[in-house]
Amino acid sequence: MKILFVGLGAIARKHIKAIRQIAPDAVIYALRRNRLLTIEEGVVNVFDLGEVSEIDFVIISNPTSEHESTIRTLLHLNVPLFIEKPLFHNLNQDKLVQSVVDKGISTYVACNLRFLDSLVFVHEFIKGKRVNEVNVYCGSYLPNWRPNVDFRKVYSANKEMGGGVHIDLIHEIDYLVWLFGFPKLTKKEFSNVSSLNISAYDYANYLMLYDDFAANIVLNYYRRSPKRSLEIICEEGECTVDLLKNEVRWNGELIFSSKQTIVDTYQPQMEFFIQNVMQRSKEKGFNDIVEAYNILKICLED
């Protein structure tokens, strides 16, 4: 198996680790711009697409603002694309999305929380239950995300690089769509007036309206003690999920727990991609470029 990475940062290294666990003999290439960059162990640096052939798939893990140009550059390869979220940093990509579809290119946009044990459990547990209200919260401290790195220089903190909590934490919207489908209407509020003093939005609030209930999502970059939770208020009771502890409670009673961490979700996600998306299994696939683009519209559409 031959895999090409475009972008070799922290998230790419998580994907490489997952690949090594699944396919130890995989040959991994990285398309680089600077010949002076450090060589990663087990990764072959290339500086032109012409240096590689017979690639099985490409992982796009460079800054979000570069995804458009990267996908355009790769179209002629006609190989499956694993695209790190978020898909794009704007919504001017309808023609590009259609080009990918027209060429029959198999795609998957990373949404690893769909592989978190507690959410997988809830996905089945809530089936058939009457939902009245949903509340989602995700707050953490951006300066702690990448130790020993000036957080103000990373894309998350910079609006012009496609950053912002509203799109960086698109996972929360993604798993709600996975659990309940697309809402009929979304209202939203963004701001960046916290003490972080960054150009990107550091607070986002979404109200997603469904036929029978409303879902409220609160996201921020400035909470020092991390919290990631899902609360589903049903007619029969309350289902609460602590995503960081990977636990599910029903009316206060613990009904599911797992030792899996969020980092552990990268391997089952990669297994899903290799087994289903690469094989173009439409029955088992999800979150292709079309679905991910529609989810992106929830985040960005006026």
C-alpha atoms as a PDB file:
ATOM      1  CA  MET A   1       0.000   0.000   0.000  1.00  0.00           C
ATOM      2  CA  LYS A   2       1.316   3.439  -0.991  1.00  0.00           C
ATOM      3  CA  ILE A   3      -0.031   6.554   0.722  1.00  0.00           C
ATOM      4  CA  LEU A   4       0.746  10.200   0.018  1.00  0.00           C
ATOM      5  CA  PHE A   5       0.427  12.873   2.709  1.00  0.00           C
ATOM      6  CA  VAL A   6      -0.025  16.529   1.849  1.00  0.00           C
ATOM      7  CA  GLY A   7       0.743  18.258   5.125  1.00  0.00           C
ATOM      8  CA  LEU A   8       2.876  16.610   7.794  1.00  0.00           C
ATOM      9  CA  GLY A   9       1.923  18.233  11.080  1.00  0.00           C
ATOM     10  CA  ALA A  10       0.633  16.854  14.372  1.00  0.00           C
ATOM     11  CA  ILE A  11      -2.630  15.518  12.947  1.00  0.00           C
ATOM     12  CA  ALA A  12      -0.783  13.772  10.108  1.00  0.00           C
ATOM     13  CA  ARG A  13       1.408  11.973  12.625  1.00  0.00           C
ATOM     14  CA  LYS A  14      -1.702  10.593  14.324  1.00  0.00           C
ATOM     15  CA  HIS A  15      -2.875   9.214  10.988  1.00  0.00           C
ATOM     16  CA  ILE A  16       0.572   7.755  10.291  1.00  0.00           C
ATOM     17  CA  LYS A  17       0.511   5.978  13.643  1.00  0.00           C
ATOM     18  CA  ALA A  18      -2.908   4.528  12.818  1.00  0.00           C
ATOM     19  CA  ILE A  19      -1.699   3.361   9.412  1.00  0.00           C
ATOM     20  CA  ARG A  20       1.337   1.678  10.957  1.00  0.00           C
ATOM     21  CA  GLN A  21      -0.934  -0.235  13.321  1.00  0.00           C
ATOM     22  CA  ILE A  22      -3.106  -1.436  10.437  1.00  0.00           C
ATOM     23  CA  ALA A  23      -0.556  -1.866   7.646  1.00  0.00           C
ATOM     24  CA  PRO A  24       3.025  -1.925   8.996  1.00  0.00           C
ATOM     25  CA  ASP A  25       4.480  -2.378   5.517  1.00  0.00           C
ATOM     26  CA  ALA A  26       2.726   0.632   3.996  1.00  0.00           C
ATOM     27  CA  VAL A  27       4.973   3.013   2.065  1.00  0.00           C
ATOM     28  CA  ILE A  28       4.313   6.589   3.169  1.00  0.00           C
ATOM     29  CA  TYR A  29       5.254   9.630   1.105  1.00  0.00           C
ATOM     30  CA  ALA A  30       4.980  13.277   2.086  1.00  0.00           C
ATOM     31  CA  LEU A  31       4.727  16.057  -0.490  1.00  0.00           C
ATOM     32  CA  ARG A  32       6.986  18.819   0.854  1.00  0.00           C
ATOM     33  CA  ARG A  33       7.850  22.326  -0.254  1.00  0.00           C
ATOM     34  CA  ASN A  34      11.172  22.839   1.515  1.00  0.00           C
ATOM     35  CA  ARG A  35      14.071  20.457   0.959  1.00  0.00           C
ATOM     36  CA  LEU A  36      15.586  21.560   4.278  1.00  0.00           C
ATOM     37  CA  LEU A  37      12.689  20.168   6.323  1.00  0.00           C
ATOM     38  CA  THR A  38      13.453  17.402   8.785  1.00  0.00           C
ATOM     39  CA  ILE A  39      12.986  13.891   7.459  1.00  0.00           C
ATOM     40  CA  GLU A  40      10.404  11.950   9.438  1.00  0.00           C
ATOM     41  CA  GLU A  41      11.306   8.372  10.268  1.00  0.00           C
ATOM     42  CA  GLY A  42       9.574   5.977   7.883  1.00  0.00           C
ATOM     43  CA  VAL A  43       8.365   8.799   5.605  1.00  0.00           C
ATOM     44  CA  VAL A  44       9.781   9.485   2.144  1.00  0.00           C
ATOM     45  CA  ASN A  45       9.896  13.172   1.239  1.00  0.00           C
ATOM     46  CA  VAL A  46       8.915  14.085  -2.332  1.00  0.00           C
ATOM     47  CA  PHE A  47       8.791  17.521  -3.884  1.00  0.00           C
ATOM     48  CA  ASP A  48       6.718  16.867  -6.986  1.00  0.00           C
ATOM     49  CA  LEU A  49       3.780  14.576  -7.698  1.00  0.00           C
ATOM     50  CA  GLY A  50       5.750  13.150 -10.575  1.00  0.00           C
ATOM     51  CA  GLU A  51       8.102  11.488  -8.085  1.00  0.00           C
ATOM     52  CA  VAL A  52       5.437   9.002  -6.961  1.00  0.00           C
ATOM     53  CA  SER A  53       3.281   6.534  -8.856  1.00  0.00           C
ATOM     54  CA  GLU A  54       0.512   4.032  -8.171  1.00  0.00           C
ATOM     55  CA  ILE A  55      -0.622   5.815  -5.009  1.00  0.00           C
ATOM     56  CA  ASP A  56      -3.502   4.012  -3.264  1.00  0.00           C
ATOM     57  CA  PHE A  57      -4.856   7.133  -1.567  1.00  0.00           C
ATOM     58  CA  VAL A  58      -3.945  10.631  -0.423  1.00  0.00           C
ATOM     59  CA  ILE A  59      -4.364  12.147   3.026  1.00  0.00           C
ATOM     60  CA  ILE A  60      -4.858  15.918   2.918  1.00  0.00           C
ATOM     61  CA  SER A  61      -3.782  17.289   6.293  1.00  0.00           C
ATOM     62  CA  ASN A  62      -2.392  20.724   5.485  1.00  0.00           C
ATOM     63  CA  PRO A  63      -4.012  24.008   6.671  1.00  0.00           C
ATOM     64  CA  THR A  64      -7.706  24.309   5.833  1.00  0.00           C
ATOM     65  CA  SER A  65      -7.089  27.390   3.697  1.00  0.00           C
ATOM     66  CA  GLU A  66      -4.984  25.222   1.332  1.00  0.00           C
ATOM     67  CA  HIS A  67      -7.486  22.383   0.878  1.00  0.00           C
ATOM     68  CA  GLU A  68      -9.082  23.871  -2.233  1.00  0.00           C
ATOM     69  CA  SER A  69      -5.830  24.222  -4.171  1.00  0.00           C
ATOM     70  CA  THR A  70      -4.616  20.834  -2.942  1.00  0.00           C
ATOM     71  CA  ILE A  71      -7.738  18.993  -4.105  1.00  0.00           C
ATOM     72  CA  ARG A  72      -7.550  20.717  -7.496  1.00  0.00           C
ATOM     73  CA  THR A  73      -3.926  19.629  -7.825  1.00  0.00           C
ATOM     74  CA  LEU A  74      -4.795  16.017  -6.991  1.00  0.00           C
ATOM     75  CA  LEU A  75      -7.884  15.605  -9.196  1.00  0.00           C
ATOM     76  CA  HIS A  76      -5.953  14.108 -12.093  1.00  0.00           C
ATOM     77  CA  LEU A  77      -4.654  11.264  -9.901  1.00  0.00           C
ATOM     78  CA  ASN A  78      -8.210   9.937  -9.564  1.00  0.00           C
ATOM     79  CA  VAL A  79      -7.431   8.180  -6.258  1.00  0.00           C
ATOM     80  CA  PRO A  80      -9.424   8.171  -2.983  1.00  0.00           C
ATOM     81  CA  LEU A  81      -8.983  11.268  -0.828  1.00  0.00           C
ATOM     82  CA  PHE A  82      -8.926  11.285   2.972  1.00  0.00           C
ATOM     83  CA  ILE A  83      -9.453  14.951   3.851  1.00  0.00           C
ATOM     84  CA  GLU A  84      -8.803  16.261   7.328  1.00  0.00           C
ATOM     85  CA  LYS A  85     -11.606  18.398   8.719  1.00  0.00           C
ATOM     86  CA  PRO A  86     -12.763  21.023   8.170  1.00  0.00           C
ATOM     87  CA  LEU A  87     -13.249  20.488   4.459  1.00  0.00           C
ATOM     88  CA  PHE A  88     -12.810  24.145   3.418  1.00  0.00           C
ATOM     89  CA  HIS A  89     -12.671  27.534   5.119  1.00  0.00           C
ATOM     90  CA  ASN A  90     -15.357  29.039   2.876  1.00  0.00           C
ATOM     91  CA  LEU A  91     -18.406  28.042   0.819  1.00  0.00           C
ATOM     92  CA  ASN A  92     -17.271  29.037  -2.647  1.00  0.00           C
ATOM     93  CA  GLN A  93     -16.447  25.479  -3.612  1.00  0.00           C
ATOM     94  CA  ASP A  94     -19.622  24.137  -5.246  1.00  0.00           C
ATOM     95  CA  LYS A  95     -17.955  23.592  -8.625  1.00  0.00           C
ATOM     96  CA  LEU A  96     -14.966  21.835  -7.068  1.00  0.00           C
ATOM     97  CA  VAL A  97     -17.192  19.511  -5.043  1.00  0.00           C
ATOM     98  CA  GLN A  98     -19.155  18.687  -8.194  1.00  0.00           C
ATOM     99  CA  SER A  99     -15.919  18.032 -10.103  1.00  0.00           C
ATOM    100  CA  VAL A 100     -14.869  15.481  -7.486  1.00  0.00           C
ATOM    101  CA  VAL A 101     -18.291  13.806  -7.714  1.00  0.00           C
ATOM    102  CA  ASP A 102     -18.295  13.825 -11.528  1.00  0.00           C
ATOM    103  CA  LYS A 103     -14.892  12.143 -11.618  1.00  0.00           C
ATOM    104  CA  GLY A 104     -16.150   9.417  -9.286  1.00  0.00           C
ATOM    105  CA  ILE A 105     -13.391  10.050  -6.746  1.00  0.00           C
ATOM    106  CA  SER A 106     -14.040   8.304  -3.440  1.00  0.00           C
ATOM    107  CA  THR A 107     -13.757  10.754  -0.537  1.00  0.00           C
ATOM    108  CA  TYR A 108     -13.950  10.833   3.228  1.00  0.00           C
ATOM    109  CA  VAL A 109     -13.725  13.897   5.472  1.00  0.00           C
ATOM    110  CA  ALA A 110     -12.293  13.076   8.900  1.00  0.00           C
ATOM    111  CA  CYS A 111     -14.887  12.874  11.667  1.00  0.00           C
ATOM    112  CA  ASN A 112     -13.209  10.637  14.240  1.00  0.00           C
ATOM    113  CA  LEU A 113     -15.747  11.296  17.010  1.00  0.00           C
ATOM    114  CA  ARG A 114     -18.138   9.060  15.090  1.00  0.00           C
ATOM    115  CA  PHE A 115     -15.782   6.278  16.206  1.00  0.00           C
ATOM    116  CA  LEU A 116     -15.804   7.193  19.905  1.00  0.00           C
ATOM    117  CA  ASP A 117     -17.260   4.245  21.828  1.00  0.00           C
ATOM    118  CA  SER A 118     -19.686   6.316  23.915  1.00  0.00           C
ATOM    119  CA  LEU A 119     -21.167   8.030  20.853  1.00  0.00           C
ATOM    120  CA  VAL A 120     -21.374   4.739  18.967  1.00  0.00           C
ATOM    121  CA  PHE A 121     -23.329   3.372  21.949  1.00  0.00           C
ATOM    122  CA  VAL A 122     -25.642   6.405  22.063  1.00  0.00           C
ATOM    123  CA  HIS A 123     -26.232   6.194  18.315  1.00  0.00           C
ATOM    124  CA  GLU A 124     -28.014   2.887  18.949  1.00  0.00           C
ATOM    125  CA  PHE A 125     -29.367   3.643  22.426  1.00  0.00           C
ATOM    126  CA  ILE A 126     -31.524   6.618  21.410  1.00  0.00           C
ATOM    127  CA  LYS A 127     -33.205   4.855  18.492  1.00  0.00           C
ATOM    128  CA  GLY A 128     -36.959   4.822  19.040  1.00  0.00           C
ATOM    129  CA  LYS A 129     -36.837   7.333  21.915  1.00  0.00           C
ATOM    130  CA  ARG A 130     -38.786  10.598  21.791  1.00  0.00           C
ATOM    131  CA  VAL A 131     -36.235  13.432  21.953  1.00  0.00           C
ATOM    132  CA  ASN A 132     -37.333  16.798  23.372  1.00  0.00           C
ATOM    133  CA  GLU A 133     -34.049  18.709  23.628  1.00  0.00           C
ATOM    134  CA  VAL A 134     -30.319  18.305  22.956  1.00  0.00           C
ATOM    135  CA  ASN A 135     -27.450  20.265  24.517  1.00  0.00           C
ATOM    136  CA  VAL A 136     -23.831  20.050  23.390  1.00  0.00           C
ATOM    137  CA  TYR A 137     -20.852  21.716  25.048  1.00  0.00           C
ATOM    138  CA  CYS A 138     -17.192  21.724  24.086  1.00  0.00           C
ATOM    139  CA  GLY A 139     -14.802  24.052  25.846  1.00  0.00           C
ATOM    140  CA  SER A 140     -11.019  23.885  26.153  1.00  0.00           C
ATOM    141  CA  TYR A 141      -8.008  26.177  26.410  1.00  0.00           C
ATOM    142  CA  LEU A 142      -6.414  26.858  23.030  1.00  0.00           C
ATOM    143  CA  PRO A 143      -2.947  27.733  24.456  1.00  0.00           C
ATOM    144  CA  ASN A 144      -2.781  24.171  25.843  1.00  0.00           C
ATOM    145  CA  TRP A 145      -3.583  22.482  22.541  1.00  0.00           C
ATOM    146  CA  ARG A 146      -0.007  22.535  21.247  1.00  0.00           C
ATOM    147  CA  PRO A 147       2.557  22.744  24.078  1.00  0.00           C
ATOM    148  CA  ASN A 148       5.694  24.806  23.427  1.00  0.00           C
ATOM    149  CA  VAL A 149       4.061  26.499  20.418  1.00  0.00           C
ATOM    150  CA  ASP A 150       2.828  30.105  20.313  1.00  0.00           C
ATOM    151  CA  PHE A 151      -0.908  29.514  19.981  1.00  0.00           C
ATOM    152  CA  ARG A 152      -1.426  32.888  18.284  1.00  0.00           C
ATOM    153  CA  LYS A 153       0.619  31.696  15.280  1.00  0.00           C
ATOM    154  CA  VAL A 154      -1.307  28.484  14.566  1.00  0.00           C
ATOM    155  CA  TYR A 155      -4.220  28.365  12.130  1.00  0.00           C
ATOM    156  CA  SER A 156      -6.794  27.854  14.901  1.00  0.00           C
ATOM    157  CA  ALA A 157      -6.187  31.374  16.186  1.00  0.00           C
ATOM    158  CA  ASN A 158      -6.080  33.086  12.808  1.00  0.00           C
ATOM    159  CA  LYS A 159      -9.192  33.894  10.817  1.00  0.00           C
ATOM    160  CA  GLU A 160      -7.212  34.437   7.620  1.00  0.00           C
ATOM    161  CA  MET A 161      -5.831  30.886   7.840  1.00  0.00           C
ATOM    162  CA  GLY A 162      -9.288  29.372   8.129  1.00  0.00           C
ATOM    163  CA  GLY A 163      -9.235  29.033  11.902  1.00  0.00           C
ATOM    164  CA  GLY A 164     -11.869  29.629  14.526  1.00  0.00           C
ATOM    165  CA  VAL A 165     -13.706  27.579  17.111  1.00  0.00           C
ATOM    166  CA  HIS A 166     -16.860  27.551  14.967  1.00  0.00           C
ATOM    167  CA  ILE A 167     -15.094  25.474  12.314  1.00  0.00           C
ATOM    168  CA  ASP A 168     -12.219  23.935  14.288  1.00  0.00           C
ATOM    169  CA  LEU A 169     -14.728  22.111  16.494  1.00  0.00           C
ATOM    170  CA  ILE A 170     -16.994  21.151  13.628  1.00  0.00           C
ATOM    171  CA  HIS A 171     -16.921  17.664  15.182  1.00  0.00           C
ATOM    172  CA  GLU A 172     -19.803  18.610  17.486  1.00  0.00           C
ATOM    173  CA  ILE A 173     -22.033  19.585  14.564  1.00  0.00           C
ATOM    174  CA  ASP A 174     -20.874  16.557  12.619  1.00  0.00           C
ATOM    175  CA  TYR A 175     -21.828  14.010  15.253  1.00  0.00           C
ATOM    176  CA  LEU A 176     -25.196  15.702  15.826  1.00  0.00           C
ATOM    177  CA  VAL A 177     -25.960  15.329  12.120  1.00  0.00           C
ATOM    178  CA  TRP A 178     -24.822  11.709  12.379  1.00  0.00           C
ATOM    179  CA  LEU A 179     -27.154  11.127  15.343  1.00  0.00           C
ATOM    180  CA  PHE A 180     -30.215  13.117  14.226  1.00  0.00           C
ATOM    181  CA  GLY A 181     -29.794  14.103  10.585  1.00  0.00           C
ATOM    182  CA  PHE A 182     -29.680  17.604   9.141  1.00  0.00           C
ATOM    183  CA  PRO A 183     -31.726  20.315  10.904  1.00  0.00           C
ATOM    184  CA  LYS A 184     -34.430  22.239   9.100  1.00  0.00           C
ATOM    185  CA  LEU A 185     -33.002  25.575  10.304  1.00  0.00           C
ATOM    186  CA  THR A 186     -29.872  26.793  12.097  1.00  0.00           C
ATOM    187  CA  LYS A 187     -29.279  30.030  13.971  1.00  0.00           C
ATOM    188  CA  LYS A 188     -25.808  31.014  15.157  1.00  0.00           C
ATOM    189  CA  GLU A 189     -23.752  33.600  17.022  1.00  0.00           C
ATOM    190  CA  PHE A 190     -19.934  33.980  16.914  1.00  0.00           C
ATOM    191  CA  SER A 191     -17.557  36.265  18.810  1.00  0.00           C
ATOM    192  CA  ASN A 192     -13.871  36.795  19.591  1.00  0.00           C
ATOM    193  CA  VAL A 193     -13.903  39.193  22.517  1.00  0.00           C
ATOM    194  CA  SER A 194     -12.314  36.926  25.150  1.00  0.00           C
ATOM    195  CA  SER A 195      -8.958  37.479  26.851  1.00  0.00           C
ATOM    196  CA  LEU A 196      -7.244  35.261  24.244  1.00  0.00           C
ATOM    197  CA  ASN A 197      -7.133  38.293  21.939  1.00  0.00           C
ATOM    198  CA  ILE A 198      -7.078  36.362  18.654  1.00  0.00           C
ATOM    199  CA  SER A 199      -8.498  37.229  15.214  1.00  0.00           C
ATOM    200  CA  ALA A 200     -10.442  33.983  14.854  1.00  0.00           C
ATOM    201  CA  TYR A 201     -13.730  33.378  16.636  1.00  0.00           C
ATOM    202  CA  ASP A 202     -13.176  31.884  20.098  1.00  0.00           C
ATOM    203  CA  TYR A 203     -16.878  31.438  20.944  1.00  0.00           C
ATOM    204  CA  ALA A 204     -19.699  29.949  18.903  1.00  0.00           C
ATOM    205  CA  ASN A 205     -23.318  29.172  19.714  1.00  0.00           C
ATOM    206  CA  TYR A 206     -25.552  27.208  17.351  1.00  0.00           C
ATOM    207  CA  LEU A 207     -29.263  26.568  17.661  1.00  0.00           C
ATOM    208  CA  MET A 208     -30.226  23.717  15.333  1.00  0.00           C
ATOM    209  CA  LEU A 209     -33.986  23.348  14.894  1.00  0.00           C
ATOM    210  CA  TYR A 210     -35.555  19.977  14.069  1.00  0.00           C
ATOM    211  CA  ASP A 211     -39.226  19.110  13.614  1.00  0.00           C
ATOM    212  CA  ASP A 212     -39.687  17.853  17.176  1.00  0.00           C
ATOM    213  CA  PHE A 213     -36.836  19.365  19.195  1.00  0.00           C
ATOM    214  CA  ALA A 214     -34.031  21.913  19.294  1.00  0.00           C
ATOM    215  CA  ALA A 215     -30.302  21.271  19.703  1.00  0.00           C
ATOM    216  CA  ASN A 216     -28.055  23.886  21.294  1.00  0.00           C
ATOM    217  CA  ILE A 217     -24.268  23.812  20.748  1.00  0.00           C
ATOM    218  CA  VAL A 218     -21.774  25.940  22.694  1.00  0.00           C
ATOM    219  CA  LEU A 219     -18.102  25.951  21.674  1.00  0.00           C
ATOM    220  CA  ASN A 220     -15.161  27.928  23.053  1.00  0.00           C
ATOM    221  CA  TYR A 221     -11.359  28.122  23.097  1.00  0.00           C
ATOM    222  CA  TYR A 222     -10.917  29.690  26.544  1.00  0.00           C
ATOM    223  CA  ARG A 223     -12.116  27.131  29.137  1.00  0.00           C
ATOM    224  CA  ARG A 224      -9.069  26.095  31.201  1.00  0.00           C
ATOM    225  CA  SER A 225     -10.632  22.879  32.521  1.00  0.00           C
ATOM    226  CA  PRO A 226     -11.723  20.952  29.406  1.00  0.00           C
ATOM    227  CA  LYS A 227     -15.321  19.820  29.105  1.00  0.00           C
ATOM    228  CA  ARG A 228     -16.935  17.935  26.232  1.00  0.00           C
ATOM    229  CA  SER A 229     -20.464  16.757  26.803  1.00  0.00           C
ATOM    230  CA  LEU A 230     -23.728  15.756  25.143  1.00  0.00           C
ATOM    231  CA  GLU A 231     -27.114  15.825  26.868  1.00  0.00           C
ATOM    232  CA  ILE A 232     -30.201  14.307  25.231  1.00  0.00           C
ATOM    233  CA  ILE A 233     -33.470  15.041  27.004  1.00  0.00           C
ATOM    234  CA  CYS A 234     -35.942  12.306  26.104  1.00  0.00           C
ATOM    235  CA  GLU A 235     -39.547  11.770  27.137  1.00  0.00           C
ATOM    236  CA  GLU A 236     -38.412   8.771  29.200  1.00  0.00           C
ATOM    237  CA  GLY A 237     -35.409  10.436  30.831  1.00  0.00           C
ATOM    238  CA  GLU A 238     -32.047  12.106  30.344  1.00  0.00           C
ATOM    239  CA  CYS A 239     -29.075  10.622  28.512  1.00  0.00           C
ATOM    240  CA  THR A 240     -25.749  12.333  29.268  1.00  0.00           C
ATOM    241  CA  VAL A 241     -22.427  11.634  27.625  1.00  0.00           C
ATOM    242  CA  ASP A 242     -19.006  12.683  28.919  1.00  0.00           C
ATOM    243  CA  LEU A 243     -16.881  12.428  25.786  1.00  0.00           C
ATOM    244  CA  LEU A 244     -13.612  12.938  27.660  1.00  0.00           C
ATOM    245  CA  LYS A 245     -14.359  10.105  30.092  1.00  0.00           C
ATOM    246  CA  ASN A 246     -16.122   8.089  27.380  1.00  0.00           C
ATOM    247  CA  GLU A 247     -19.092   7.437  29.668  1.00  0.00           C
ATOM    248  CA  VAL A 248     -22.862   7.388  29.178  1.00  0.00           C
ATOM    249  CA  ARG A 249     -25.419   7.867  31.921  1.00  0.00           C
ATOM    250  CA  TRP A 250     -29.186   7.347  31.807  1.00  0.00           C
ATOM    251  CA  ASN A 251     -31.105   9.245  34.493  1.00  0.00           C
ATOM    252  CA  GLY A 252     -27.839   9.561  36.407  1.00  0.00           C
ATOM    253  CA  GLU A 253     -26.969   5.859  36.306  1.00  0.00           C
ATOM    254  CA  LEU A 254     -23.804   4.787  34.493  1.00  0.00           C
ATOM    255  CA  ILE A 255     -24.855   2.461  31.665  1.00  0.00           C
ATOM    256  CA  PHE A 256     -21.749   2.486  29.486  1.00  0.00           C
ATOM    257  CA  SER A 257     -18.045   3.220  29.871  1.00  0.00           C
ATOM    258  CA  SER A 258     -14.930   2.635  27.817  1.00  0.00           C
ATOM    259  CA  LYS A 259     -11.195   3.051  28.380  1.00  0.00           C
ATOM    260  CA  GLN A 260     -10.827   4.247  24.806  1.00  0.00           C
ATOM    261  CA  THR A 261      -9.553   7.838  24.478  1.00  0.00           C
ATOM    262  CA  ILE A 262     -10.330  10.249  21.660  1.00  0.00           C
ATOM    263  CA  VAL A 263      -6.816   9.691  20.304  1.00  0.00           C
ATOM    264  CA  ASP A 264      -7.654   5.973  20.082  1.00  0.00           C
ATOM    265  CA  THR A 265     -10.381   6.745  17.528  1.00  0.00           C
ATOM    266  CA  TYR A 266      -7.860   7.395  14.764  1.00  0.00           C
ATOM    267  CA  GLN A 267      -7.199   3.697  14.194  1.00  0.00           C
ATOM    268  CA  PRO A 268     -10.845   2.567  13.737  1.00  0.00           C
ATOM    269  CA  GLN A 269     -11.406   5.627  11.571  1.00  0.00           C
ATOM    270  CA  MET A 270      -8.507   4.628   9.312  1.00  0.00           C
ATOM    271  CA  GLU A 271      -9.729   1.023   9.246  1.00  0.00           C
ATOM    272  CA  PHE A 272     -13.148   2.289   8.154  1.00  0.00           C
ATOM    273  CA  PHE A 273     -11.572   4.333   5.381  1.00  0.00           C
ATOM    274  CA  ILE A 274      -9.403   1.513   4.073  1.00  0.00           C
ATOM    275  CA  GLN A 275     -12.138  -1.131   4.278  1.00  0.00           C
ATOM    276  CA  ASN A 276     -15.072   0.906   2.991  1.00  0.00           C
ATOM    277  CA  VAL A 277     -14.225   4.238   1.398  1.00  0.00           C
ATOM    278  CA  MET A 278     -11.275   2.950  -0.621  1.00  0.00           C
ATOM    279  CA  GLN A 279     -13.482   0.135  -1.870  1.00  0.00           C
ATOM    280  CA  ARG A 280     -16.164   2.682  -2.812  1.00  0.00           C
ATOM    281  CA  SER A 281     -18.718   0.932  -0.631  1.00  0.00           C
ATOM    282  CA  LYS A 282     -21.599   3.409  -0.742  1.00  0.00           C
ATOM    283  CA  GLU A 283     -23.680   1.219   1.573  1.00  0.00           C
ATOM    284  CA  LYS A 284     -21.110   1.468   4.370  1.00  0.00           C
ATOM    285  CA  GLY A 285     -19.568   4.857   3.626  1.00  0.00           C
ATOM    286  CA  PHE A 286     -20.417   8.192   5.175  1.00  0.00           C
ATOM    287  CA  ASN A 287     -19.223  11.784   5.338  1.00  0.00           C
ATOM    288  CA  ASP A 288     -18.030  12.021   1.774  1.00  0.00           C
ATOM    289  CA  ILE A 289     -17.217  15.429   0.295  1.00  0.00           C
ATOM    290  CA  VAL A 290     -20.912  16.191  -0.410  1.00  0.00           C
ATOM    291  CA  GLU A 291     -22.121  15.420   3.119  1.00  0.00           C
ATOM    292  CA  ALA A 292     -19.172  17.249   4.673  1.00  0.00           C
ATOM    293  CA  TYR A 293     -19.815  20.291   2.462  1.00  0.00           C
ATOM    294  CA  ASN A 294     -23.435  20.385   3.624  1.00  0.00           C
ATOM    295  CA  ILE A 295     -22.284  20.174   7.241  1.00  0.00           C
ATOM    296  CA  LEU A 296     -19.846  23.001   6.541  1.00  0.00           C
ATOM    297  CA  LYS A 297     -22.807  25.084   5.347  1.00  0.00           C
ATOM    298  CA  ILE A 298     -24.328  24.762   8.828  1.00  0.00           C
ATOM    299  CA  CYS A 299     -21.136  26.318  10.212  1.00  0.00           C
ATOM    300  CA  LEU A 300     -20.631  29.088   7.701  1.00  0.00           C
ATOM    301  CA  GLU A 301     -23.805  29.876   5.769  1.00  0.00           C
ATOM    302  CA  ASP A 302     -25.415  33.224   6.578  1.00  0.00           C
END
